[in-house]
Amino acid sequence: MRYECKVCAWIYDPENPPEGVEVDTAFEELPEDFICPECGATKEEFVVEE
């Protein structure tokens, strides 16, 4: 499942994660202090991509 940042529309894709995150890491498995690499938004600012 992919997640979209509500602030900047960056997409978290587990098949193509940001640097430092292993491929196929589910969004739910990311640490609570994960922030959007584009805008710095917190995990709470992400929604399931529709």
N, C-alpha and C. Protein backbone atom coordinates (compact mmCIF):
# COMPACT_ATOMS: atom_id res chain seq x y z
N MET A 1 0.82 -1.18 0.00
CA MET A 1 0.00 0.00 0.00
C MET A 1 0.87 1.26 0.00
N ARG A 2 0.47 2.26 -0.76
CA ARG A 2 1.21 3.51 -0.83
C ARG A 2 0.49 4.58 -0.02
N TYR A 3 1.28 5.50 0.54
CA TYR A 3 0.73 6.58 1.36
C TYR A 3 1.15 7.92 0.79
N GLU A 4 0.25 8.89 0.86
CA GLU A 4 0.51 10.22 0.33
C GLU A 4 0.57 11.24 1.46
N CYS A 5 1.57 12.11 1.39
CA CYS A 5 1.69 13.20 2.34
C CYS A 5 0.61 14.24 2.01
N LYS A 6 -0.23 14.57 2.98
CA LYS A 6 -1.30 15.56 2.75
C LYS A 6 -0.74 16.96 2.58
N VAL A 7 0.48 17.21 3.02
CA VAL A 7 1.07 18.55 2.94
C VAL A 7 1.64 18.83 1.55
N CYS A 8 2.46 17.90 1.02
CA CYS A 8 3.15 18.18 -0.24
C CYS A 8 2.87 17.18 -1.35
N ALA A 9 2.08 16.15 -1.07
CA ALA A 9 1.68 15.12 -2.05
C ALA A 9 2.80 14.14 -2.41
N TRP A 10 3.89 14.10 -1.62
CA TRP A 10 4.93 13.09 -1.83
C TRP A 10 4.34 11.73 -1.51
N ILE A 11 4.72 10.72 -2.28
CA ILE A 11 4.18 9.37 -2.11
C ILE A 11 5.23 8.47 -1.46
N TYR A 12 4.82 7.80 -0.35
CA TYR A 12 5.67 6.75 0.22
C TYR A 12 5.30 5.46 -0.47
N ASP A 13 6.26 4.89 -1.18
CA ASP A 13 6.07 3.64 -1.91
C ASP A 13 7.04 2.62 -1.33
N PRO A 14 6.52 1.55 -0.70
CA PRO A 14 7.43 0.56 -0.10
C PRO A 14 8.35 -0.13 -1.10
N GLU A 15 7.99 -0.11 -2.37
CA GLU A 15 8.86 -0.70 -3.39
C GLU A 15 9.96 0.25 -3.83
N ASN A 16 9.83 1.53 -3.47
CA ASN A 16 10.84 2.53 -3.82
C ASN A 16 10.92 3.54 -2.66
N PRO A 17 11.39 3.06 -1.49
CA PRO A 17 11.39 3.92 -0.30
C PRO A 17 12.51 4.97 -0.33
N PRO A 18 12.41 5.95 0.55
CA PRO A 18 13.49 6.94 0.63
C PRO A 18 14.78 6.31 1.17
N GLU A 19 15.87 7.01 0.99
CA GLU A 19 17.17 6.53 1.46
C GLU A 19 17.10 6.19 2.95
N GLY A 20 17.70 5.07 3.32
CA GLY A 20 17.75 4.65 4.71
C GLY A 20 16.61 3.73 5.12
N VAL A 21 15.67 3.48 4.22
CA VAL A 21 14.54 2.59 4.51
C VAL A 21 14.66 1.39 3.58
N GLU A 22 14.52 0.19 4.15
CA GLU A 22 14.63 -1.02 3.34
C GLU A 22 13.43 -1.18 2.42
N VAL A 23 13.68 -1.74 1.23
CA VAL A 23 12.61 -2.03 0.28
C VAL A 23 11.59 -2.96 0.95
N ASP A 24 10.32 -2.76 0.62
CA ASP A 24 9.19 -3.54 1.14
C ASP A 24 8.89 -3.28 2.62
N THR A 25 9.35 -2.15 3.16
CA THR A 25 8.98 -1.78 4.52
C THR A 25 7.61 -1.12 4.49
N ALA A 26 6.63 -1.74 5.14
CA ALA A 26 5.28 -1.18 5.18
C ALA A 26 5.30 0.15 5.92
N PHE A 27 4.42 1.06 5.53
CA PHE A 27 4.35 2.37 6.17
C PHE A 27 4.16 2.22 7.68
N GLU A 28 3.33 1.27 8.08
CA GLU A 28 3.05 1.05 9.51
C GLU A 28 4.30 0.64 10.28
N GLU A 29 5.28 0.07 9.59
CA GLU A 29 6.52 -0.39 10.24
C GLU A 29 7.57 0.71 10.37
N LEU A 30 7.32 1.86 9.75
CA LEU A 30 8.26 2.97 9.87
C LEU A 30 8.25 3.48 11.30
N PRO A 31 9.38 4.01 11.79
CA PRO A 31 9.41 4.54 13.16
C PRO A 31 8.43 5.70 13.32
N GLU A 32 7.94 5.89 14.53
CA GLU A 32 6.97 6.95 14.80
C GLU A 32 7.52 8.33 14.48
N ASP A 33 8.84 8.50 14.52
CA ASP A 33 9.43 9.80 14.24
C ASP A 33 9.78 9.99 12.75
N PHE A 34 9.27 9.11 11.88
CA PHE A 34 9.47 9.26 10.44
C PHE A 34 8.88 10.58 9.98
N ILE A 35 9.62 11.28 9.13
CA ILE A 35 9.10 12.52 8.56
C ILE A 35 9.21 12.46 7.04
N CYS A 36 8.35 13.21 6.37
CA CYS A 36 8.36 13.28 4.92
C CYS A 36 9.70 13.84 4.46
N PRO A 37 10.38 13.14 3.55
CA PRO A 37 11.68 13.63 3.08
C PRO A 37 11.58 14.89 2.23
N GLU A 38 10.39 15.23 1.77
CA GLU A 38 10.22 16.42 0.94
C GLU A 38 9.90 17.66 1.77
N CYS A 39 9.01 17.53 2.76
CA CYS A 39 8.55 18.72 3.48
C CYS A 39 8.68 18.65 4.99
N GLY A 40 9.04 17.48 5.53
CA GLY A 40 9.22 17.36 6.97
C GLY A 40 7.95 17.08 7.75
N ALA A 41 6.84 16.79 7.06
CA ALA A 41 5.59 16.47 7.75
C ALA A 41 5.73 15.17 8.52
N THR A 42 4.98 15.05 9.60
CA THR A 42 5.03 13.84 10.43
C THR A 42 4.19 12.73 9.83
N LYS A 43 4.32 11.53 10.37
CA LYS A 43 3.58 10.36 9.90
C LYS A 43 2.07 10.60 9.93
N GLU A 44 1.62 11.39 10.88
CA GLU A 44 0.19 11.65 11.03
C GLU A 44 -0.39 12.42 9.83
N GLU A 45 0.49 13.04 9.06
CA GLU A 45 0.05 13.83 7.91
C GLU A 45 -0.08 12.99 6.63
N PHE A 46 0.07 11.67 6.73
CA PHE A 46 -0.03 10.79 5.57
C PHE A 46 -1.37 10.07 5.55
N VAL A 47 -1.88 9.86 4.35
CA VAL A 47 -3.12 9.10 4.16
C VAL A 47 -2.87 8.05 3.09
N VAL A 48 -3.70 7.00 3.09
CA VAL A 48 -3.59 5.96 2.07
C VAL A 48 -3.87 6.58 0.72
N GLU A 49 -3.01 6.29 -0.24
CA GLU A 49 -3.20 6.83 -1.59
C GLU A 49 -4.44 6.18 -2.21
N GLU A 50 -5.25 6.99 -2.84
CA GLU A 50 -6.49 6.47 -3.46
C GLU A 50 -6.32 6.27 -4.94
